[in-house]
Amino acid sequence: MPSPPSSSVQDPAVPEFVVPDPAGEPGRAGRGRPGLSPSRANDFMQCPLLFRFRVIDKLPEPPSEAAARGTLVHSVLERLYDAPAADRSAAAARALLPGEWDRMRTAEPRYADLFTADADVAAWLAGAGDLIGTYFTLEDPTRLEPRERELFVETELDGGPLLRGVVDRLDVAPDGAMRVVDYKTGRSPRPGYEGSALFQMRFYALVLWRMRGEIPRMLQLVYLGDGQVLRHTPEEAELATTERRIRSIWAGIQATARTGDWRPRKSALCPWCAHQGICPAFGGTPPELQAGATELALGVNSQVSEASGVTAPSRSSG
């Protein structure tokens, strides 16, 4: 199967829908109140059934080479800034790749199933090294001192959902101005198709604004797949619009949860979905919802009987 459109490849995101346990590791998922991240909001907009599979059923998905490479590159760029500024070279960053890959495989044994030959691993690591090399053509890390890396952020909207996510990097200027930076290992979107990426960044800007009382000065997306940088200066009016959109998405999620009608929505991304075999749009049958699963995941009582496994029929809209 060919690779998915590079602009559609999702970089690593917070893996769970619920917010972290305050007693657990900061920035990692755990049991807690239902919340909403940019990735899960995009899942619902892309396909409500995909949202159900990931958030309510929590179905496992096999790791892909693209997603694993994204995780690896993010990890290297995070750890690069542990070194003194003078030591942040492209060679030093590439040297981190094997060790970070070993750490990933230890933390997630399923990564070991991605490759069957050492030569394949070497070629894959070389591809990750190329992305690292591209990063050094776009920024000079010897001149940067990030305030935060892999920063977990969260805020609760009045009468709305708890919003949370992980910001790749937060730079703060001497005058307090914030720059939110996100690394993307795919290619930049075509002109006019930046909406999804900017939604994610506006989401983070809204959360930071609510947390810190100041709107970030700059939103910056660094695309390593084609060496492009997308910058945007957010304004209060657009963040207010983003909040209304998030509230609308959350209302849609709650309404769907109550009816249990998690219908699929076919799109060009379907061929790369890990759940196509159980999708009604392709002749499959979704698993029965477990009793209380919707309430546990979303804090919403479903009007269908999950205990008996009865759910509203899923129908393809495409």
C-alpha atoms as a PDB file:
ATOM      1  CA  MET A   1       0.000   0.000   0.000  1.00  0.00           C
ATOM      2  CA  PRO A   2       1.380   3.430  -0.864  1.00  0.00           C
ATOM      3  CA  SER A   3       2.024   5.958   1.843  1.00  0.00           C
ATOM      4  CA  PRO A   4      -0.837   8.249   2.849  1.00  0.00           C
ATOM      5  CA  PRO A   5      -0.784  11.880   1.712  1.00  0.00           C
ATOM      6  CA  SER A   6       2.065  13.358   3.711  1.00  0.00           C
ATOM      7  CA  SER A   7       0.040  16.291   4.956  1.00  0.00           C
ATOM      8  CA  SER A   8      -2.458  13.827   6.454  1.00  0.00           C
ATOM      9  CA  VAL A   9       0.059  11.817   8.471  1.00  0.00           C
ATOM     10  CA  GLN A  10      -0.575  12.601  12.098  1.00  0.00           C
ATOM     11  CA  ASP A  11       2.395  13.259  14.268  1.00  0.00           C
ATOM     12  CA  PRO A  12       2.396  11.863  17.789  1.00  0.00           C
ATOM     13  CA  ALA A  13      -0.494  13.013  19.929  1.00  0.00           C
ATOM     14  CA  VAL A  14      -1.729  12.472  23.454  1.00  0.00           C
ATOM     15  CA  PRO A  15      -2.802   8.825  23.298  1.00  0.00           C
ATOM     16  CA  GLU A  16      -5.885   8.960  25.528  1.00  0.00           C
ATOM     17  CA  PHE A  17      -9.021  11.056  25.615  1.00  0.00           C
ATOM     18  CA  VAL A  18      -9.225  11.427  29.375  1.00  0.00           C
ATOM     19  CA  VAL A  19      -7.005  13.871  31.214  1.00  0.00           C
ATOM     20  CA  PRO A  20      -3.935  12.740  33.162  1.00  0.00           C
ATOM     21  CA  ASP A  21      -4.197  11.667  36.752  1.00  0.00           C
ATOM     22  CA  PRO A  22      -2.651  14.535  38.777  1.00  0.00           C
ATOM     23  CA  ALA A  23      -0.767  11.951  40.798  1.00  0.00           C
ATOM     24  CA  GLY A  24       0.680  10.339  37.701  1.00  0.00           C
ATOM     25  CA  GLU A  25       3.396  11.390  35.307  1.00  0.00           C
ATOM     26  CA  PRO A  26       2.750  14.918  33.976  1.00  0.00           C
ATOM     27  CA  GLY A  27       1.708  15.005  30.365  1.00  0.00           C
ATOM     28  CA  ARG A  28       0.850  11.305  30.179  1.00  0.00           C
ATOM     29  CA  ALA A  29      -2.593   9.849  29.887  1.00  0.00           C
ATOM     30  CA  GLY A  30      -4.436   8.336  32.802  1.00  0.00           C
ATOM     31  CA  ARG A  31      -7.875   8.049  34.294  1.00  0.00           C
ATOM     32  CA  GLY A  32      -9.654  11.318  34.847  1.00  0.00           C
ATOM     33  CA  ARG A  33     -12.385  13.593  33.625  1.00  0.00           C
ATOM     34  CA  PRO A  34     -13.291  13.481  29.930  1.00  0.00           C
ATOM     35  CA  GLY A  35     -11.553  16.124  27.874  1.00  0.00           C
ATOM     36  CA  LEU A  36     -10.793  17.032  24.294  1.00  0.00           C
ATOM     37  CA  SER A  37      -7.512  17.292  22.398  1.00  0.00           C
ATOM     38  CA  PRO A  38      -6.945  18.650  18.869  1.00  0.00           C
ATOM     39  CA  SER A  39      -6.268  15.154  17.521  1.00  0.00           C
ATOM     40  CA  ARG A  40      -9.464  13.680  18.916  1.00  0.00           C
ATOM     41  CA  ALA A  41     -11.475  16.688  17.732  1.00  0.00           C
ATOM     42  CA  ASN A  42     -10.074  16.103  14.239  1.00  0.00           C
ATOM     43  CA  ASP A  43     -10.948  12.396  14.526  1.00  0.00           C
ATOM     44  CA  PHE A  44     -14.599  13.240  15.166  1.00  0.00           C
ATOM     45  CA  MET A  45     -14.719  15.719  12.293  1.00  0.00           C
ATOM     46  CA  GLN A  46     -13.048  13.195   9.981  1.00  0.00           C
ATOM     47  CA  CYS A  47     -15.158  10.177  10.994  1.00  0.00           C
ATOM     48  CA  PRO A  48     -17.370   9.761  14.089  1.00  0.00           C
ATOM     49  CA  LEU A  49     -16.887   5.991  14.011  1.00  0.00           C
ATOM     50  CA  LEU A  50     -13.099   6.408  14.071  1.00  0.00           C
ATOM     51  CA  PHE A  51     -13.546   8.646  17.115  1.00  0.00           C
ATOM     52  CA  ARG A  52     -15.613   5.909  18.795  1.00  0.00           C
ATOM     53  CA  PHE A  53     -13.021   3.222  18.029  1.00  0.00           C
ATOM     54  CA  ARG A  54     -10.204   5.309  19.468  1.00  0.00           C
ATOM     55  CA  VAL A  55     -11.920   6.991  22.409  1.00  0.00           C
ATOM     56  CA  ILE A  56     -14.665   4.651  23.622  1.00  0.00           C
ATOM     57  CA  ASP A  57     -13.574   1.199  22.416  1.00  0.00           C
ATOM     58  CA  LYS A  58      -9.876   2.090  22.713  1.00  0.00           C
ATOM     59  CA  LEU A  59      -9.056  -0.381  19.961  1.00  0.00           C
ATOM     60  CA  PRO A  60      -5.333  -0.959  19.425  1.00  0.00           C
ATOM     61  CA  GLU A  61      -3.791   0.171  16.163  1.00  0.00           C
ATOM     62  CA  PRO A  62      -0.625  -1.324  14.707  1.00  0.00           C
ATOM     63  CA  PRO A  63       2.244   1.158  14.594  1.00  0.00           C
ATOM     64  CA  SER A  64       3.218   2.439  11.174  1.00  0.00           C
ATOM     65  CA  GLU A  65       6.675   3.359   9.943  1.00  0.00           C
ATOM     66  CA  ALA A  66       5.530   6.953   9.376  1.00  0.00           C
ATOM     67  CA  ALA A  67       4.050   7.365  12.861  1.00  0.00           C
ATOM     68  CA  ALA A  68       7.053   5.688  14.505  1.00  0.00           C
ATOM     69  CA  ARG A  69       9.426   7.946  12.571  1.00  0.00           C
ATOM     70  CA  GLY A  70       7.457  10.960  13.755  1.00  0.00           C
ATOM     71  CA  THR A  71       7.713   9.836  17.361  1.00  0.00           C
ATOM     72  CA  LEU A  72      11.442   9.224  16.982  1.00  0.00           C
ATOM     73  CA  VAL A  73      12.172  12.602  15.387  1.00  0.00           C
ATOM     74  CA  HIS A  74      10.102  14.429  18.015  1.00  0.00           C
ATOM     75  CA  SER A  75      12.015  12.642  20.762  1.00  0.00           C
ATOM     76  CA  VAL A  76      15.390  13.554  19.261  1.00  0.00           C
ATOM     77  CA  LEU A  77      14.422  17.212  18.834  1.00  0.00           C
ATOM     78  CA  GLU A  78      13.230  17.320  22.431  1.00  0.00           C
ATOM     79  CA  ARG A  79      16.449  15.818  23.791  1.00  0.00           C
ATOM     80  CA  LEU A  80      18.657  17.905  21.522  1.00  0.00           C
ATOM     81  CA  TYR A  81      17.948  20.905  23.747  1.00  0.00           C
ATOM     82  CA  ASP A  82      19.231  19.063  26.818  1.00  0.00           C
ATOM     83  CA  ALA A  83      22.741  19.725  25.502  1.00  0.00           C
ATOM     84  CA  PRO A  84      24.570  23.053  25.876  1.00  0.00           C
ATOM     85  CA  ALA A  85      23.883  25.381  22.960  1.00  0.00           C
ATOM     86  CA  ALA A  86      27.334  24.934  21.430  1.00  0.00           C
ATOM     87  CA  ASP A  87      26.856  21.149  21.255  1.00  0.00           C
ATOM     88  CA  ARG A  88      23.554  21.214  19.349  1.00  0.00           C
ATOM     89  CA  SER A  89      24.828  20.141  15.961  1.00  0.00           C
ATOM     90  CA  ALA A  90      23.183  18.081  13.238  1.00  0.00           C
ATOM     91  CA  ALA A  91      25.732  15.326  13.841  1.00  0.00           C
ATOM     92  CA  ALA A  92      24.942  15.286  17.552  1.00  0.00           C
ATOM     93  CA  ALA A  93      21.222  15.088  16.817  1.00  0.00           C
ATOM     94  CA  ARG A  94      21.662  12.209  14.376  1.00  0.00           C
ATOM     95  CA  ALA A  95      23.794  10.409  16.949  1.00  0.00           C
ATOM     96  CA  LEU A  96      20.772  10.363  19.266  1.00  0.00           C
ATOM     97  CA  LEU A  97      18.666   8.351  16.827  1.00  0.00           C
ATOM     98  CA  PRO A  98      19.811   4.771  17.635  1.00  0.00           C
ATOM     99  CA  GLY A  99      19.514   5.246  21.386  1.00  0.00           C
ATOM    100  CA  GLU A 100      16.080   6.862  21.135  1.00  0.00           C
ATOM    101  CA  TRP A 101      14.936   4.043  18.845  1.00  0.00           C
ATOM    102  CA  ASP A 102      16.081   1.469  21.397  1.00  0.00           C
ATOM    103  CA  ARG A 103      14.225   3.373  24.111  1.00  0.00           C
ATOM    104  CA  MET A 104      11.047   3.443  22.015  1.00  0.00           C
ATOM    105  CA  ARG A 105      11.171  -0.297  21.391  1.00  0.00           C
ATOM    106  CA  THR A 106      11.650  -0.960  25.086  1.00  0.00           C
ATOM    107  CA  ALA A 107       8.683   1.242  25.971  1.00  0.00           C
ATOM    108  CA  GLU A 108       6.470  -0.131  23.177  1.00  0.00           C
ATOM    109  CA  PRO A 109       7.401  -3.695  22.106  1.00  0.00           C
ATOM    110  CA  ARG A 110       5.064  -3.510  19.088  1.00  0.00           C
ATOM    111  CA  TYR A 111       7.611  -1.278  17.358  1.00  0.00           C
ATOM    112  CA  ALA A 112       9.839  -4.335  17.035  1.00  0.00           C
ATOM    113  CA  ASP A 113       7.343  -5.820  14.566  1.00  0.00           C
ATOM    114  CA  LEU A 114       7.827  -3.004  12.071  1.00  0.00           C
ATOM    115  CA  PHE A 115      11.007  -4.441  10.547  1.00  0.00           C
ATOM    116  CA  THR A 116      12.276  -7.923   9.787  1.00  0.00           C
ATOM    117  CA  ALA A 117      15.784  -7.063   8.554  1.00  0.00           C
ATOM    118  CA  ASP A 118      18.574  -4.909   9.952  1.00  0.00           C
ATOM    119  CA  ALA A 119      18.964  -3.290   6.538  1.00  0.00           C
ATOM    120  CA  ASP A 120      15.371  -2.069   6.709  1.00  0.00           C
ATOM    121  CA  VAL A 121      15.997  -0.536  10.128  1.00  0.00           C
ATOM    122  CA  ALA A 122      19.144   1.178   8.867  1.00  0.00           C
ATOM    123  CA  ALA A 123      17.309   2.668   5.875  1.00  0.00           C
ATOM    124  CA  TRP A 124      14.451   3.827   8.108  1.00  0.00           C
ATOM    125  CA  LEU A 125      16.844   5.457  10.573  1.00  0.00           C
ATOM    126  CA  ALA A 126      18.615   7.148   7.667  1.00  0.00           C
ATOM    127  CA  GLY A 127      15.260   8.611   6.611  1.00  0.00           C
ATOM    128  CA  ALA A 128      14.765   9.947  10.119  1.00  0.00           C
ATOM    129  CA  GLY A 129      18.282  11.390   9.927  1.00  0.00           C
ATOM    130  CA  ASP A 130      17.336  13.217   6.727  1.00  0.00           C
ATOM    131  CA  LEU A 131      14.405  14.851   8.550  1.00  0.00           C
ATOM    132  CA  ILE A 132      16.739  15.888  11.358  1.00  0.00           C
ATOM    133  CA  GLY A 133      19.078  17.373   8.776  1.00  0.00           C
ATOM    134  CA  THR A 134      16.218  19.366   7.279  1.00  0.00           C
ATOM    135  CA  TYR A 135      15.427  20.783  10.711  1.00  0.00           C
ATOM    136  CA  PHE A 136      18.882  22.374  10.875  1.00  0.00           C
ATOM    137  CA  THR A 137      18.208  24.205   7.600  1.00  0.00           C
ATOM    138  CA  LEU A 138      15.122  25.828   9.155  1.00  0.00           C
ATOM    139  CA  GLU A 139      16.250  26.761  12.669  1.00  0.00           C
ATOM    140  CA  ASP A 140      19.548  27.268  14.457  1.00  0.00           C
ATOM    141  CA  PRO A 141      19.176  25.475  17.798  1.00  0.00           C
ATOM    142  CA  THR A 142      22.398  27.043  19.096  1.00  0.00           C
ATOM    143  CA  ARG A 143      20.529  30.359  19.215  1.00  0.00           C
ATOM    144  CA  LEU A 144      17.374  29.058  20.900  1.00  0.00           C
ATOM    145  CA  GLU A 145      16.596  28.373  24.551  1.00  0.00           C
ATOM    146  CA  PRO A 146      13.074  26.952  24.693  1.00  0.00           C
ATOM    147  CA  ARG A 147      11.137  27.709  27.855  1.00  0.00           C
ATOM    148  CA  GLU A 148       9.253  24.402  27.618  1.00  0.00           C
ATOM    149  CA  ARG A 149       9.418  21.198  25.613  1.00  0.00           C
ATOM    150  CA  GLU A 150       6.651  18.581  25.382  1.00  0.00           C
ATOM    151  CA  LEU A 151       4.545  20.893  27.542  1.00  0.00           C
ATOM    152  CA  PHE A 152       1.242  19.442  28.764  1.00  0.00           C
ATOM    153  CA  VAL A 153      -1.437  22.141  28.756  1.00  0.00           C
ATOM    154  CA  GLU A 154      -5.048  22.087  29.888  1.00  0.00           C
ATOM    155  CA  THR A 155      -7.924  24.416  30.653  1.00  0.00           C
ATOM    156  CA  GLU A 156     -11.663  23.992  31.131  1.00  0.00           C
ATOM    157  CA  LEU A 157     -14.140  26.096  29.208  1.00  0.00           C
ATOM    158  CA  ASP A 158     -17.044  27.540  31.181  1.00  0.00           C
ATOM    159  CA  GLY A 159     -19.861  25.048  30.781  1.00  0.00           C
ATOM    160  CA  GLY A 160     -17.802  23.156  28.230  1.00  0.00           C
ATOM    161  CA  PRO A 161     -15.182  20.463  27.915  1.00  0.00           C
ATOM    162  CA  LEU A 162     -11.765  20.323  29.470  1.00  0.00           C
ATOM    163  CA  LEU A 163      -9.216  21.015  26.738  1.00  0.00           C
ATOM    164  CA  ARG A 164      -5.747  19.551  26.818  1.00  0.00           C
ATOM    165  CA  GLY A 165      -2.799  18.617  24.667  1.00  0.00           C
ATOM    166  CA  VAL A 166       0.970  18.578  24.380  1.00  0.00           C
ATOM    167  CA  VAL A 167       2.881  21.496  22.843  1.00  0.00           C
ATOM    168  CA  ASP A 168       6.138  20.431  21.183  1.00  0.00           C
ATOM    169  CA  ARG A 169       7.975  23.605  22.151  1.00  0.00           C
ATOM    170  CA  LEU A 170       7.191  26.908  23.797  1.00  0.00           C
ATOM    171  CA  ASP A 171       9.593  29.823  23.326  1.00  0.00           C
ATOM    172  CA  VAL A 172       9.252  32.883  25.515  1.00  0.00           C
ATOM    173  CA  ALA A 173      10.947  36.172  24.579  1.00  0.00           C
ATOM    174  CA  PRO A 174      12.457  38.531  27.193  1.00  0.00           C
ATOM    175  CA  ASP A 175       9.321  40.680  26.941  1.00  0.00           C
ATOM    176  CA  GLY A 176       7.141  37.632  27.722  1.00  0.00           C
ATOM    177  CA  ALA A 177       5.868  37.063  24.183  1.00  0.00           C
ATOM    178  CA  MET A 178       5.111  33.378  23.542  1.00  0.00           C
ATOM    179  CA  ARG A 179       5.844  31.414  20.382  1.00  0.00           C
ATOM    180  CA  VAL A 180       4.167  28.012  20.049  1.00  0.00           C
ATOM    181  CA  VAL A 181       6.192  25.618  17.869  1.00  0.00           C
ATOM    182  CA  ASP A 182       5.025  22.287  16.477  1.00  0.00           C
ATOM    183  CA  TYR A 183       7.153  19.860  14.446  1.00  0.00           C
ATOM    184  CA  LYS A 184       5.573  17.985  11.548  1.00  0.00           C
ATOM    185  CA  THR A 185       7.442  15.157   9.852  1.00  0.00           C
ATOM    186  CA  GLY A 186       5.191  15.218   6.794  1.00  0.00           C
ATOM    187  CA  ARG A 187       5.018  17.751   4.006  1.00  0.00           C
ATOM    188  CA  SER A 188       3.336  21.110   4.343  1.00  0.00           C
ATOM    189  CA  PRO A 189      -0.261  21.435   3.136  1.00  0.00           C
ATOM    190  CA  ARG A 190      -0.986  22.980  -0.210  1.00  0.00           C
ATOM    191  CA  PRO A 191      -1.953  26.664  -0.179  1.00  0.00           C
ATOM    192  CA  GLY A 192      -5.549  26.945   0.934  1.00  0.00           C
ATOM    193  CA  TYR A 193      -5.476  23.624   2.819  1.00  0.00           C
ATOM    194  CA  GLU A 194      -3.824  24.799   6.030  1.00  0.00           C
ATOM    195  CA  GLY A 195      -7.082  24.705   8.002  1.00  0.00           C
ATOM    196  CA  SER A 196      -6.551  21.463   9.922  1.00  0.00           C
ATOM    197  CA  ALA A 197      -3.012  22.345  10.991  1.00  0.00           C
ATOM    198  CA  LEU A 198      -3.991  25.863  12.006  1.00  0.00           C
ATOM    199  CA  PHE A 199      -6.961  24.512  13.982  1.00  0.00           C
ATOM    200  CA  GLN A 200      -4.526  22.506  16.102  1.00  0.00           C
ATOM    201  CA  MET A 201      -2.330  25.541  16.707  1.00  0.00           C
ATOM    202  CA  ARG A 202      -5.263  27.837  17.451  1.00  0.00           C
ATOM    203  CA  PHE A 203      -6.495  25.204  19.876  1.00  0.00           C
ATOM    204  CA  TYR A 204      -3.167  25.379  21.738  1.00  0.00           C
ATOM    205  CA  ALA A 205      -3.193  29.173  21.572  1.00  0.00           C
ATOM    206  CA  LEU A 206      -6.664  29.242  23.117  1.00  0.00           C
ATOM    207  CA  VAL A 207      -5.593  26.931  25.945  1.00  0.00           C
ATOM    208  CA  LEU A 208      -2.459  28.980  26.668  1.00  0.00           C
ATOM    209  CA  TRP A 209      -4.476  32.194  26.565  1.00  0.00           C
ATOM    210  CA  ARG A 210      -6.906  30.812  29.129  1.00  0.00           C
ATOM    211  CA  MET A 211      -4.045  29.466  31.276  1.00  0.00           C
ATOM    212  CA  ARG A 212      -1.700  32.461  31.174  1.00  0.00           C
ATOM    213  CA  GLY A 213      -3.932  35.395  30.318  1.00  0.00           C
ATOM    214  CA  GLU A 214      -1.977  36.286  27.180  1.00  0.00           C
ATOM    215  CA  ILE A 215      -2.412  35.338  23.554  1.00  0.00           C
ATOM    216  CA  PRO A 216       0.711  33.746  22.017  1.00  0.00           C
ATOM    217  CA  ARG A 217       2.469  36.147  19.684  1.00  0.00           C
ATOM    218  CA  MET A 218       3.321  33.516  17.072  1.00  0.00           C
ATOM    219  CA  LEU A 219       2.189  30.041  16.005  1.00  0.00           C
ATOM    220  CA  GLN A 220       4.856  28.177  14.056  1.00  0.00           C
ATOM    221  CA  LEU A 221       4.590  24.861  12.219  1.00  0.00           C
ATOM    222  CA  VAL A 222       7.911  23.358  11.128  1.00  0.00           C
ATOM    223  CA  TYR A 223       7.432  20.878   8.261  1.00  0.00           C
ATOM    224  CA  LEU A 224      10.435  18.605   7.967  1.00  0.00           C
ATOM    225  CA  GLY A 225       9.073  16.656   5.002  1.00  0.00           C
ATOM    226  CA  ASP A 226       9.640  19.532   2.589  1.00  0.00           C
ATOM    227  CA  GLY A 227      11.526  22.118   4.624  1.00  0.00           C
ATOM    228  CA  GLN A 228       8.717  24.632   4.968  1.00  0.00           C
ATOM    229  CA  VAL A 229       7.750  26.797   7.940  1.00  0.00           C
ATOM    230  CA  LEU A 230       4.189  28.033   8.369  1.00  0.00           C
ATOM    231  CA  ARG A 231       3.831  31.020  10.703  1.00  0.00           C
ATOM    232  CA  HIS A 232       0.634  32.629  11.906  1.00  0.00           C
ATOM    233  CA  THR A 233      -0.119  35.506  14.259  1.00  0.00           C
ATOM    234  CA  PRO A 234      -3.336  34.707  16.163  1.00  0.00           C
ATOM    235  CA  GLU A 235      -5.820  37.387  17.116  1.00  0.00           C
ATOM    236  CA  GLU A 236      -8.412  37.459  19.856  1.00  0.00           C
ATOM    237  CA  ALA A 237     -11.362  37.343  17.457  1.00  0.00           C
ATOM    238  CA  GLU A 238     -10.149  34.170  15.729  1.00  0.00           C
ATOM    239  CA  LEU A 239      -9.484  32.438  19.042  1.00  0.00           C
ATOM    240  CA  ALA A 240     -13.031  33.314  20.100  1.00  0.00           C
ATOM    241  CA  THR A 241     -14.171  31.690  16.850  1.00  0.00           C
ATOM    242  CA  THR A 242     -11.993  28.662  17.635  1.00  0.00           C
ATOM    243  CA  GLU A 243     -13.664  28.368  21.042  1.00  0.00           C
ATOM    244  CA  ARG A 244     -17.117  28.414  19.437  1.00  0.00           C
ATOM    245  CA  ARG A 245     -16.009  25.739  16.989  1.00  0.00           C
ATOM    246  CA  ILE A 246     -14.675  23.551  19.794  1.00  0.00           C
ATOM    247  CA  ARG A 247     -17.937  23.935  21.694  1.00  0.00           C
ATOM    248  CA  SER A 248     -19.825  22.915  18.562  1.00  0.00           C
ATOM    249  CA  ILE A 249     -17.610  19.833  18.084  1.00  0.00           C
ATOM    250  CA  TRP A 250     -18.093  18.864  21.724  1.00  0.00           C
ATOM    251  CA  ALA A 251     -21.869  19.294  21.420  1.00  0.00           C
ATOM    252  CA  GLY A 252     -21.788  17.015  18.368  1.00  0.00           C
ATOM    253  CA  ILE A 253     -19.791  14.402  20.272  1.00  0.00           C
ATOM    254  CA  GLN A 254     -22.235  14.503  23.190  1.00  0.00           C
ATOM    255  CA  ALA A 255     -25.276  14.243  20.907  1.00  0.00           C
ATOM    256  CA  THR A 256     -23.779  11.294  19.032  1.00  0.00           C
ATOM    257  CA  ALA A 257     -22.852   9.604  22.305  1.00  0.00           C
ATOM    258  CA  ARG A 258     -26.432   9.864  23.538  1.00  0.00           C
ATOM    259  CA  THR A 259     -27.878   8.270  20.397  1.00  0.00           C
ATOM    260  CA  GLY A 260     -25.054   5.775  19.911  1.00  0.00           C
ATOM    261  CA  ASP A 261     -25.121   6.486  16.178  1.00  0.00           C
ATOM    262  CA  TRP A 262     -21.377   6.534  15.484  1.00  0.00           C
ATOM    263  CA  ARG A 263     -21.668   6.414  11.725  1.00  0.00           C
ATOM    264  CA  PRO A 264     -18.621   6.205   9.444  1.00  0.00           C
ATOM    265  CA  ARG A 265     -17.738   8.993   7.053  1.00  0.00           C
ATOM    266  CA  LYS A 266     -15.849   7.833   3.988  1.00  0.00           C
ATOM    267  CA  SER A 267     -12.950   9.933   2.765  1.00  0.00           C
ATOM    268  CA  ALA A 268      -9.650   9.714   0.921  1.00  0.00           C
ATOM    269  CA  LEU A 269      -8.020   8.690   4.209  1.00  0.00           C
ATOM    270  CA  CYS A 270     -10.035   5.463   4.568  1.00  0.00           C
ATOM    271  CA  PRO A 271      -7.401   3.235   2.875  1.00  0.00           C
ATOM    272  CA  TRP A 272      -4.990   4.003   5.728  1.00  0.00           C
ATOM    273  CA  CYS A 273      -7.474   3.373   8.553  1.00  0.00           C
ATOM    274  CA  ALA A 274      -6.503   0.507  10.843  1.00  0.00           C
ATOM    275  CA  HIS A 275     -10.179  -0.364  11.414  1.00  0.00           C
ATOM    276  CA  GLN A 276     -11.433  -0.740   7.852  1.00  0.00           C
ATOM    277  CA  GLY A 277     -12.122  -4.448   8.427  1.00  0.00           C
ATOM    278  CA  ILE A 278     -14.792  -3.690  11.062  1.00  0.00           C
ATOM    279  CA  CYS A 279     -16.215  -0.581   9.373  1.00  0.00           C
ATOM    280  CA  PRO A 280     -19.785  -0.832   8.011  1.00  0.00           C
ATOM    281  CA  ALA A 281     -18.821   1.409   5.095  1.00  0.00           C
ATOM    282  CA  PHE A 282     -16.640  -1.509   3.896  1.00  0.00           C
ATOM    283  CA  GLY A 283     -18.924  -4.383   4.876  1.00  0.00           C
ATOM    284  CA  GLY A 284     -17.569  -4.846   8.389  1.00  0.00           C
ATOM    285  CA  THR A 285     -19.298  -5.022  11.757  1.00  0.00           C
ATOM    286  CA  PRO A 286     -18.152  -2.875  14.704  1.00  0.00           C
ATOM    287  CA  PRO A 287     -17.694  -4.621  18.055  1.00  0.00           C
ATOM    288  CA  GLU A 288     -20.441  -4.293  20.633  1.00  0.00           C
ATOM    289  CA  LEU A 289     -20.020  -1.392  22.993  1.00  0.00           C
ATOM    290  CA  GLN A 290     -19.149  -2.512  26.485  1.00  0.00           C
ATOM    291  CA  ALA A 291     -21.556  -1.609  29.274  1.00  0.00           C
ATOM    292  CA  GLY A 292     -20.851   1.876  30.588  1.00  0.00           C
ATOM    293  CA  ALA A 293     -18.035   2.511  28.108  1.00  0.00           C
ATOM    294  CA  THR A 294     -19.543   5.709  26.705  1.00  0.00           C
ATOM    295  CA  GLU A 295     -20.183   7.201  30.125  1.00  0.00           C
ATOM    296  CA  LEU A 296     -16.688   6.282  31.282  1.00  0.00           C
ATOM    297  CA  ALA A 297     -15.005   7.805  28.232  1.00  0.00           C
ATOM    298  CA  LEU A 298     -17.228  10.850  27.694  1.00  0.00           C
ATOM    299  CA  GLY A 299     -19.269  11.379  30.840  1.00  0.00           C
ATOM    300  CA  VAL A 300     -22.463  10.969  28.775  1.00  0.00           C
ATOM    301  CA  ASN A 301     -25.226   8.418  29.337  1.00  0.00           C
ATOM    302  CA  SER A 302     -26.098   6.714  26.079  1.00  0.00           C
ATOM    303  CA  GLN A 303     -29.753   6.241  25.192  1.00  0.00           C
ATOM    304  CA  VAL A 304     -28.962   2.811  23.792  1.00  0.00           C
ATOM    305  CA  SER A 305     -28.383  -0.251  25.917  1.00  0.00           C
ATOM    306  CA  GLU A 306     -24.664  -0.857  26.003  1.00  0.00           C
ATOM    307  CA  ALA A 307     -25.113  -3.595  28.583  1.00  0.00           C
ATOM    308  CA  SER A 308     -26.985  -5.697  26.025  1.00  0.00           C
ATOM    309  CA  GLY A 309     -24.640  -4.721  23.250  1.00  0.00           C
ATOM    310  CA  VAL A 310     -27.426  -2.967  21.326  1.00  0.00           C
ATOM    311  CA  THR A 311     -26.284   0.140  19.476  1.00  0.00           C
ATOM    312  CA  ALA A 312     -27.905   2.389  16.955  1.00  0.00           C
ATOM    313  CA  PRO A 313     -27.150   1.259  13.401  1.00  0.00           C
ATOM    314  CA  SER A 314     -24.090   2.842  11.834  1.00  0.00           C
ATOM    315  CA  ARG A 315     -24.713   4.095   8.320  1.00  0.00           C
ATOM    316  CA  SER A 316     -22.241   5.352   5.806  1.00  0.00           C
ATOM    317  CA  SER A 317     -22.789   8.906   4.705  1.00  0.00           C
ATOM    318  CA  GLY A 318     -20.590   8.409   1.698  1.00  0.00           C
END
